[in-house]
Amino acid sequence: MKQSIELILSVIFMLFVLDFFAVIHLAAFKGILIVAFVVLGIAKLVQMLDIITSQSTIQDK
């Protein structure tokens, strides 16, 4: 789980760097922020699903 978060952060960082070097308009910057929030949201969902599945396996025992 920690590895995937680090991967997501590095991807977002790369996007910011590319955005910075390209000096893209504010709209593109907003787009990247939206993508970053969506990715973080997905990561949170995965984390929650992991917790739910681990709890259900504990209950099965």
Protein backbone atom coordinates (compact mmCIF):
# COMPACT_ATOMS: atom_id res chain seq x y z
CA MET A 1 0.00 0.00 0.00
CA LYS A 2 2.83 2.40 0.92
CA GLN A 3 4.58 1.70 -2.39
CA SER A 4 1.49 2.61 -4.43
CA ILE A 5 1.11 5.90 -2.52
CA GLU A 6 4.77 6.74 -3.20
CA LEU A 7 4.25 5.86 -6.88
CA ILE A 8 1.17 8.13 -7.07
CA LEU A 9 3.07 10.99 -5.40
CA SER A 10 6.01 10.59 -7.77
CA VAL A 11 3.64 10.62 -10.78
CA ILE A 12 1.93 13.78 -9.48
CA PHE A 13 5.36 15.35 -8.86
CA MET A 14 6.42 14.49 -12.43
CA LEU A 15 3.21 16.07 -13.76
CA PHE A 16 3.90 19.24 -11.75
CA VAL A 17 7.48 19.37 -13.06
CA LEU A 18 6.32 18.88 -16.66
CA ASP A 19 3.63 21.52 -16.12
CA PHE A 20 6.21 23.91 -14.69
CA PHE A 21 8.70 23.45 -17.54
CA ALA A 22 6.02 23.74 -20.21
CA VAL A 23 4.62 26.86 -18.47
CA ILE A 24 1.09 25.71 -19.32
CA HIS A 25 -1.96 27.91 -18.69
CA LEU A 26 -3.87 27.94 -15.41
CA ALA A 27 -6.55 25.69 -16.93
CA ALA A 28 -4.02 22.90 -17.46
CA PHE A 29 -2.73 23.43 -13.92
CA LYS A 30 -6.31 23.08 -12.59
CA GLY A 31 -6.71 19.94 -14.69
CA ILE A 32 -3.62 18.42 -13.10
CA LEU A 33 -4.92 19.31 -9.64
CA ILE A 34 -8.25 17.61 -10.45
CA VAL A 35 -6.40 14.51 -11.70
CA ALA A 36 -4.29 14.51 -8.52
CA PHE A 37 -7.42 14.67 -6.33
CA VAL A 38 -9.09 11.86 -8.33
CA VAL A 39 -5.97 9.69 -8.00
CA LEU A 40 -5.76 10.37 -4.26
CA GLY A 41 -9.49 9.57 -3.95
CA ILE A 42 -8.95 6.24 -5.72
CA ALA A 43 -6.00 5.51 -3.41
CA LYS A 44 -8.24 6.21 -0.38
CA LEU A 45 -10.95 3.89 -1.78
CA VAL A 46 -8.37 1.13 -2.28
CA GLN A 47 -7.16 1.64 1.29
CA MET A 48 -10.74 1.46 2.61
CA LEU A 49 -11.43 -1.69 0.56
CA ASP A 50 -8.24 -3.26 1.98
CA ILE A 51 -9.44 -2.47 5.51
CA ILE A 52 -12.94 -3.88 4.78
CA THR A 53 -11.56 -7.09 3.25
CA SER A 54 -9.07 -7.59 6.11
CA GLN A 55 -11.90 -7.10 8.65
CA SER A 56 -14.14 -9.60 6.84
CA THR A 57 -11.35 -12.21 6.75
CA ILE A 58 -10.85 -11.72 10.51
CA GLN A 59 -14.60 -12.26 11.06
CA ASP A 60 -14.56 -15.42 8.89
CA LYS A 61 -12.04 -17.00 11.29
